[in-house]
Amino acid sequence: MVNSSASRNSESDARIVSVYTLSEDLFRMVAELGKSGPYQFQWKTSMEAETVSKGLILVDTGTIEIDLYRTSKEGIFLLGKGEALLQRWKDFLDQTFSVECSPDGFEDFLRWRMRPVLERSCDWPGGVFNFFQEILASVLISEALLITGGNRQKTAQILGISRTTLRNRMQDKEDKEK
């Protein structure tokens, strides 16, 4: 994961994913699944030990032969035939972008999940920032209340706000729902 928020915006943060397959359809599906992540995809139709790139290396073993003993080991390899490779890629993405209990992990997760939503250019009520701010506050409060069994003091403590602020936010939500 990237540690500097300044470098997050840089194109150099994109991870190179080399996809070795003869199937253009498989390459497109891999790229489609990873399009929201920090990835740049390269489609390669042959594998030679001296040309293997660093980074993520996906090999369709149904169409490309690989000799792991003679191949560069400087990358992360995902191997499989067709659909099996696609499933491994999905699993890798799920694992990579699972929410970690750290600011960097959570920020990466949000970036990955929010980008496709923002790219749709929907007409958000009150503007995109206010819309998401309200949703986030609502979800945080309702989930914290569920975790604490409705105990408002514990909920406020988890959220790092006062009970008064919690009560006011809950009241604002009720007013908007009317």
Protein backbone atom coordinates (compact mmCIF):
# COMPACT_ATOMS: atom_id res chain seq x y z
CA MET A 1 0.00 0.00 0.00
CA VAL A 2 1.05 3.55 -0.61
CA ASN A 3 1.95 5.50 2.51
CA SER A 4 2.20 9.10 1.29
CA SER A 5 -1.08 10.80 0.44
CA ALA A 6 0.82 13.18 -1.86
CA SER A 7 2.16 10.28 -3.88
CA ARG A 8 -1.29 8.67 -4.07
CA ASN A 9 -2.27 11.10 -6.78
CA SER A 10 0.73 10.31 -8.90
CA GLU A 11 0.45 8.13 -11.99
CA SER A 12 3.61 6.36 -10.84
CA ASP A 13 1.55 4.76 -8.06
CA ALA A 14 -0.19 2.61 -10.63
CA ARG A 15 0.82 -1.00 -10.34
CA ILE A 16 1.74 -2.76 -13.53
CA VAL A 17 -0.25 -5.94 -14.17
CA SER A 18 1.20 -8.11 -16.91
CA VAL A 19 -1.39 -10.53 -18.24
CA TYR A 20 0.07 -13.43 -20.21
CA THR A 21 -2.68 -15.02 -22.29
CA LEU A 22 -3.65 -15.65 -25.88
CA SER A 23 -7.26 -14.81 -25.03
CA GLU A 24 -8.19 -11.21 -25.65
CA ASP A 25 -11.50 -11.81 -23.85
CA LEU A 26 -9.71 -12.99 -20.71
CA PHE A 27 -7.42 -9.96 -20.81
CA ARG A 28 -10.44 -7.64 -21.10
CA MET A 29 -12.19 -9.33 -18.17
CA VAL A 30 -9.06 -9.03 -16.00
CA ALA A 31 -8.71 -5.35 -16.91
CA GLU A 32 -12.42 -4.71 -16.32
CA LEU A 33 -12.28 -6.23 -12.83
CA GLY A 34 -9.25 -4.17 -11.88
CA LYS A 35 -10.18 -0.90 -13.58
CA SER A 36 -11.03 0.86 -10.33
CA GLY A 37 -7.75 -0.08 -8.68
CA PRO A 38 -4.36 1.55 -9.12
CA TYR A 39 -3.45 -0.70 -12.04
CA GLN A 40 -2.09 -0.35 -15.56
CA PHE A 41 -2.56 -3.48 -17.65
CA GLN A 42 -0.23 -4.97 -20.23
CA TRP A 43 -1.37 -7.79 -22.49
CA LYS A 44 1.40 -10.20 -23.42
CA THR A 45 1.09 -13.25 -25.63
CA SER A 46 4.41 -14.95 -24.96
CA MET A 47 6.58 -15.48 -21.92
CA GLU A 48 10.34 -15.54 -21.94
CA ALA A 49 12.36 -15.53 -18.73
CA GLU A 50 14.29 -12.39 -19.61
CA THR A 51 11.16 -10.38 -20.46
CA VAL A 52 9.05 -11.12 -17.39
CA SER A 53 8.18 -7.86 -15.71
CA LYS A 54 8.08 -7.05 -12.03
CA GLY A 55 4.80 -6.44 -10.26
CA LEU A 56 1.67 -8.51 -10.69
CA ILE A 57 1.99 -11.28 -13.25
CA LEU A 58 -1.12 -13.18 -14.30
CA VAL A 59 -0.49 -16.25 -16.43
CA ASP A 60 -3.22 -18.14 -18.25
CA THR A 61 -1.67 -21.60 -18.03
CA GLY A 62 -4.22 -22.85 -20.54
CA THR A 63 -2.62 -20.80 -23.32
CA ILE A 64 0.88 -19.86 -22.07
CA GLU A 65 3.55 -22.25 -20.80
CA ILE A 66 5.59 -21.14 -17.83
CA ASP A 67 8.69 -22.64 -16.27
CA LEU A 68 8.78 -21.19 -12.75
CA TYR A 69 12.33 -22.43 -12.19
CA ARG A 70 13.65 -20.35 -15.09
CA THR A 71 11.31 -17.39 -14.69
CA SER A 72 12.06 -14.15 -12.83
CA LYS A 73 10.65 -14.33 -9.31
CA GLU A 74 10.50 -10.57 -8.72
CA GLY A 75 6.74 -10.32 -9.03
CA ILE A 76 3.57 -11.73 -7.59
CA PHE A 77 2.38 -14.59 -9.80
CA LEU A 78 -1.24 -15.62 -10.21
CA LEU A 79 -1.57 -18.79 -12.28
CA GLY A 80 -4.61 -20.58 -13.65
CA LYS A 81 -6.47 -21.70 -16.74
CA GLY A 82 -8.99 -19.19 -18.04
CA GLU A 83 -11.82 -18.89 -15.52
CA ALA A 84 -9.60 -20.21 -12.72
CA LEU A 85 -7.16 -17.36 -13.34
CA LEU A 86 -10.02 -14.88 -13.40
CA GLN A 87 -11.25 -16.24 -10.05
CA ARG A 88 -7.76 -15.93 -8.56
CA TRP A 89 -7.63 -12.32 -9.78
CA LYS A 90 -11.03 -11.62 -8.16
CA ASP A 91 -9.83 -13.18 -4.91
CA PHE A 92 -6.62 -11.14 -5.05
CA LEU A 93 -8.60 -7.91 -5.54
CA ASP A 94 -10.99 -8.78 -2.70
CA GLN A 95 -8.10 -9.50 -0.38
CA THR A 96 -6.08 -6.48 -1.47
CA PHE A 97 -8.94 -4.06 -1.02
CA SER A 98 -10.50 -5.52 2.10
CA VAL A 99 -10.89 -2.90 4.76
CA GLU A 100 -7.91 -2.86 7.05
CA CYS A 101 -8.07 -1.26 10.45
CA SER A 102 -5.64 1.46 9.44
CA PRO A 103 -6.08 4.88 7.83
CA ASP A 104 -4.08 3.89 4.72
CA GLY A 105 -5.96 0.63 4.22
CA PHE A 106 -9.33 2.28 4.64
CA GLU A 107 -8.39 5.18 2.37
CA ASP A 108 -7.26 2.77 -0.35
CA PHE A 109 -10.52 0.84 0.03
CA LEU A 110 -12.60 4.01 -0.27
CA ARG A 111 -10.66 5.21 -3.31
CA TRP A 112 -11.13 1.86 -5.02
CA ARG A 113 -14.87 1.71 -4.29
CA MET A 114 -15.72 5.40 -4.81
CA ARG A 115 -13.97 6.10 -8.09
CA PRO A 116 -16.47 4.18 -10.28
CA VAL A 117 -19.37 5.87 -8.49
CA LEU A 118 -17.90 9.34 -9.03
CA GLU A 119 -17.07 8.59 -12.67
CA ARG A 120 -20.76 8.01 -13.43
CA SER A 121 -21.38 11.76 -13.03
CA CYS A 122 -24.76 11.26 -11.39
CA ASP A 123 -26.81 14.22 -10.25
CA TRP A 124 -26.36 13.93 -6.49
CA PRO A 125 -28.89 15.77 -4.28
CA GLY A 126 -27.14 18.75 -2.65
CA GLY A 127 -23.88 17.96 -4.40
CA VAL A 128 -21.69 14.90 -4.21
CA PHE A 129 -19.75 15.97 -1.11
CA ASN A 130 -22.84 16.67 0.99
CA PHE A 131 -24.58 13.55 -0.28
CA PHE A 132 -21.74 11.25 0.74
CA GLN A 133 -21.09 13.09 3.98
CA GLU A 134 -24.72 12.52 5.01
CA ILE A 135 -24.64 8.87 3.98
CA LEU A 136 -21.39 8.24 5.82
CA ALA A 137 -22.65 9.91 9.01
CA SER A 138 -25.91 7.96 8.83
CA VAL A 139 -24.17 4.62 8.28
CA LEU A 140 -21.60 5.25 11.01
CA ILE A 141 -24.26 6.13 13.54
CA SER A 142 -26.63 3.29 12.70
CA GLU A 143 -23.87 0.65 12.63
CA ALA A 144 -22.35 1.90 15.89
CA LEU A 145 -25.80 1.80 17.50
CA LEU A 146 -26.23 -1.80 16.32
CA ILE A 147 -22.82 -2.79 17.71
CA THR A 148 -23.58 -1.22 21.09
CA GLY A 149 -27.13 -2.55 21.28
CA GLY A 150 -28.52 0.99 21.17
CA ASN A 151 -26.36 2.33 24.00
CA ARG A 152 -25.93 5.97 23.02
CA GLN A 153 -23.06 6.68 25.39
CA LYS A 154 -21.00 3.79 24.00
CA THR A 155 -22.00 4.77 20.45
CA ALA A 156 -20.82 8.34 20.98
CA GLN A 157 -17.59 7.02 22.50
CA ILE A 158 -16.92 4.74 19.49
CA LEU A 159 -17.60 7.61 17.09
CA GLY A 160 -15.52 10.09 19.09
CA ILE A 161 -18.39 12.56 19.45
CA SER A 162 -20.42 13.78 22.41
CA ARG A 163 -23.82 12.31 23.29
CA THR A 164 -25.33 15.70 22.47
CA THR A 165 -23.82 15.67 18.98
CA LEU A 166 -25.03 12.11 18.49
CA ARG A 167 -28.53 13.04 19.61
CA ASN A 168 -28.54 16.08 17.29
CA ARG A 169 -27.36 14.01 14.29
CA MET A 170 -30.01 11.39 14.99
CA GLN A 171 -32.65 14.11 15.26
CA ASP A 172 -31.48 15.69 11.97
CA LYS A 173 -31.83 12.31 10.26
CA GLU A 174 -35.34 11.83 11.63
CA ASP A 175 -36.32 15.33 10.48
CA LYS A 176 -35.05 14.67 6.95
CA GLU A 177 -36.94 11.38 6.76
CA LYS A 178 -40.25 13.17 7.52
